[in-house]
Amino acid sequence: MRSYKFSAAVGLMSLSAQPAWAQAVNPQGSGPIISALSWLQGTLLGNVATAFAVMAIAGVGFMMLTGRMNWRYGMTVIIGCFILFGAGAIVSGIQSAAAG
């Protein structure tokens, strides 16, 4: 009986959940952190990173075709590049699914 009351209370609380206002604006003093993360994002998704990823995938693909690299390791490199460059789309998809 006690767990029923608890689960009913949790269910009612989840129905009346509101978005957190703290997530809507940047907290005071977070400017340097946000600019550092923006720089990191620009570095990881910029032209230099794209060129390195293209060369890495080409090199791994050539080594896999010639039999010098294990297919499993080669696929992890390729999937890692896809995840790195698709991270924005992955996160926005998760956020839209969580929102409604």
C-alpha atoms as a PDB file:
ATOM      1  CA  MET A   1       0.000   0.000   0.000  1.00  0.00           C
ATOM      2  CA  ARG A   2       2.836   2.329   0.801  1.00  0.00           C
ATOM      3  CA  SER A   3       4.566   1.874  -2.560  1.00  0.00           C
ATOM      4  CA  TYR A   4       1.265   2.572  -4.305  1.00  0.00           C
ATOM      5  CA  LYS A   5       1.032   5.978  -2.650  1.00  0.00           C
ATOM      6  CA  PHE A   6       4.617   6.741  -3.549  1.00  0.00           C
ATOM      7  CA  SER A   7       4.194   5.751  -7.192  1.00  0.00           C
ATOM      8  CA  ALA A   8       0.960   7.740  -7.416  1.00  0.00           C
ATOM      9  CA  ALA A   9       2.731  10.811  -6.023  1.00  0.00           C
ATOM     10  CA  VAL A  10       5.599  10.415  -8.485  1.00  0.00           C
ATOM     11  CA  GLY A  11       3.130   9.995 -11.337  1.00  0.00           C
ATOM     12  CA  LEU A  12       1.274  13.177 -10.402  1.00  0.00           C
ATOM     13  CA  MET A  13       4.550  15.082 -10.073  1.00  0.00           C
ATOM     14  CA  SER A  14       5.693  13.946 -13.515  1.00  0.00           C
ATOM     15  CA  LEU A  15       2.416  15.096 -15.082  1.00  0.00           C
ATOM     16  CA  SER A  16       2.825  18.581 -13.664  1.00  0.00           C
ATOM     17  CA  ALA A  17       6.498  18.972 -14.546  1.00  0.00           C
ATOM     18  CA  GLN A  18       7.548  22.355 -15.900  1.00  0.00           C
ATOM     19  CA  PRO A  19      10.756  23.168 -17.793  1.00  0.00           C
ATOM     20  CA  ALA A  20      13.531  24.391 -15.546  1.00  0.00           C
ATOM     21  CA  TRP A  21      14.028  28.138 -15.902  1.00  0.00           C
ATOM     22  CA  ALA A  22      17.724  27.772 -15.138  1.00  0.00           C
ATOM     23  CA  GLN A  23      18.187  25.960 -18.426  1.00  0.00           C
ATOM     24  CA  ALA A  24      16.684  28.787 -20.456  1.00  0.00           C
ATOM     25  CA  VAL A  25      19.439  31.343 -19.756  1.00  0.00           C
ATOM     26  CA  ASN A  26      23.147  31.119 -19.167  1.00  0.00           C
ATOM     27  CA  PRO A  27      24.091  31.508 -15.510  1.00  0.00           C
ATOM     28  CA  GLN A  28      26.134  34.523 -14.470  1.00  0.00           C
ATOM     29  CA  GLY A  29      29.867  33.970 -14.914  1.00  0.00           C
ATOM     30  CA  SER A  30      29.535  31.206 -17.501  1.00  0.00           C
ATOM     31  CA  GLY A  31      30.773  33.377 -20.378  1.00  0.00           C
ATOM     32  CA  PRO A  32      34.372  32.050 -20.410  1.00  0.00           C
ATOM     33  CA  ILE A  33      33.165  28.452 -20.160  1.00  0.00           C
ATOM     34  CA  ILE A  34      30.717  28.891 -23.026  1.00  0.00           C
ATOM     35  CA  SER A  35      33.331  30.592 -25.192  1.00  0.00           C
ATOM     36  CA  ALA A  36      35.839  27.804 -24.456  1.00  0.00           C
ATOM     37  CA  LEU A  37      33.288  25.151 -25.382  1.00  0.00           C
ATOM     38  CA  SER A  38      32.383  27.058 -28.545  1.00  0.00           C
ATOM     39  CA  TRP A  39      36.077  27.156 -29.488  1.00  0.00           C
ATOM     40  CA  LEU A  40      36.353  23.416 -28.849  1.00  0.00           C
ATOM     41  CA  GLN A  41      33.282  22.757 -30.985  1.00  0.00           C
ATOM     42  CA  GLY A  42      34.672  24.913 -33.780  1.00  0.00           C
ATOM     43  CA  THR A  43      37.978  23.062 -33.604  1.00  0.00           C
ATOM     44  CA  LEU A  44      36.392  19.615 -33.599  1.00  0.00           C
ATOM     45  CA  LEU A  45      33.998  20.393 -36.435  1.00  0.00           C
ATOM     46  CA  GLY A  46      36.104  22.841 -38.474  1.00  0.00           C
ATOM     47  CA  ASN A  47      37.904  22.482 -41.786  1.00  0.00           C
ATOM     48  CA  VAL A  48      41.107  21.073 -40.285  1.00  0.00           C
ATOM     49  CA  ALA A  49      39.226  18.363 -38.388  1.00  0.00           C
ATOM     50  CA  THR A  50      37.220  17.505 -41.487  1.00  0.00           C
ATOM     51  CA  ALA A  51      40.402  17.137 -43.526  1.00  0.00           C
ATOM     52  CA  PHE A  52      41.978  14.900 -40.874  1.00  0.00           C
ATOM     53  CA  ALA A  53      38.831  12.759 -40.683  1.00  0.00           C
ATOM     54  CA  VAL A  54      38.753  12.335 -44.459  1.00  0.00           C
ATOM     55  CA  MET A  55      42.421  11.298 -44.479  1.00  0.00           C
ATOM     56  CA  ALA A  56      41.877   8.931 -41.538  1.00  0.00           C
ATOM     57  CA  ILE A  57      38.905   7.232 -43.170  1.00  0.00           C
ATOM     58  CA  ALA A  58      40.745   6.973 -46.485  1.00  0.00           C
ATOM     59  CA  GLY A  59      43.823   5.494 -44.806  1.00  0.00           C
ATOM     60  CA  VAL A  60      41.824   3.057 -42.699  1.00  0.00           C
ATOM     61  CA  GLY A  61      39.745   2.033 -45.706  1.00  0.00           C
ATOM     62  CA  PHE A  62      42.852   1.403 -47.807  1.00  0.00           C
ATOM     63  CA  MET A  63      44.466  -0.634 -45.009  1.00  0.00           C
ATOM     64  CA  MET A  64      41.263  -2.645 -44.575  1.00  0.00           C
ATOM     65  CA  LEU A  65      41.080  -3.378 -48.309  1.00  0.00           C
ATOM     66  CA  THR A  66      44.702  -4.515 -48.465  1.00  0.00           C
ATOM     67  CA  GLY A  67      44.284  -6.738 -45.416  1.00  0.00           C
ATOM     68  CA  ARG A  68      46.668  -4.859 -43.133  1.00  0.00           C
ATOM     69  CA  MET A  69      44.012  -3.820 -40.616  1.00  0.00           C
ATOM     70  CA  ASN A  70      41.395  -5.705 -38.691  1.00  0.00           C
ATOM     71  CA  TRP A  71      37.892  -4.904 -39.988  1.00  0.00           C
ATOM     72  CA  ARG A  72      36.557  -4.474 -36.473  1.00  0.00           C
ATOM     73  CA  TYR A  73      39.127  -1.788 -35.599  1.00  0.00           C
ATOM     74  CA  GLY A  74      38.624  -0.069 -38.928  1.00  0.00           C
ATOM     75  CA  MET A  75      34.871   0.129 -38.460  1.00  0.00           C
ATOM     76  CA  THR A  76      35.324   1.669 -34.999  1.00  0.00           C
ATOM     77  CA  VAL A  77      37.397   4.475 -36.524  1.00  0.00           C
ATOM     78  CA  ILE A  78      34.809   5.106 -39.231  1.00  0.00           C
ATOM     79  CA  ILE A  79      31.843   4.986 -36.824  1.00  0.00           C
ATOM     80  CA  GLY A  80      33.719   7.294 -34.437  1.00  0.00           C
ATOM     81  CA  CYS A  81      34.087   9.905 -37.185  1.00  0.00           C
ATOM     82  CA  PHE A  82      30.393   9.655 -38.007  1.00  0.00           C
ATOM     83  CA  ILE A  83      29.479  10.103 -34.340  1.00  0.00           C
ATOM     84  CA  LEU A  84      31.854  13.065 -33.976  1.00  0.00           C
ATOM     85  CA  PHE A  85      30.451  14.949 -36.945  1.00  0.00           C
ATOM     86  CA  GLY A  86      26.854  13.870 -36.343  1.00  0.00           C
ATOM     87  CA  ALA A  87      26.831  14.740 -32.639  1.00  0.00           C
ATOM     88  CA  GLY A  88      24.794  17.902 -33.190  1.00  0.00           C
ATOM     89  CA  ALA A  89      22.098  16.043 -35.092  1.00  0.00           C
ATOM     90  CA  ILE A  90      22.094  13.221 -32.532  1.00  0.00           C
ATOM     91  CA  VAL A  91      21.652  15.634 -29.609  1.00  0.00           C
ATOM     92  CA  SER A  92      18.923  17.647 -31.343  1.00  0.00           C
ATOM     93  CA  GLY A  93      17.064  14.411 -32.126  1.00  0.00           C
ATOM     94  CA  ILE A  94      17.264  13.300 -28.510  1.00  0.00           C
ATOM     95  CA  GLN A  95      16.095  16.728 -27.306  1.00  0.00           C
ATOM     96  CA  SER A  96      13.132  16.777 -29.680  1.00  0.00           C
ATOM     97  CA  ALA A  97      12.161  13.238 -28.641  1.00  0.00           C
ATOM     98  CA  ALA A  98      12.384  14.185 -24.972  1.00  0.00           C
ATOM     99  CA  ALA A  99      10.390  17.385 -25.473  1.00  0.00           C
ATOM    100  CA  GLY A 100       7.373  15.767 -26.920  1.00  0.00           C
END
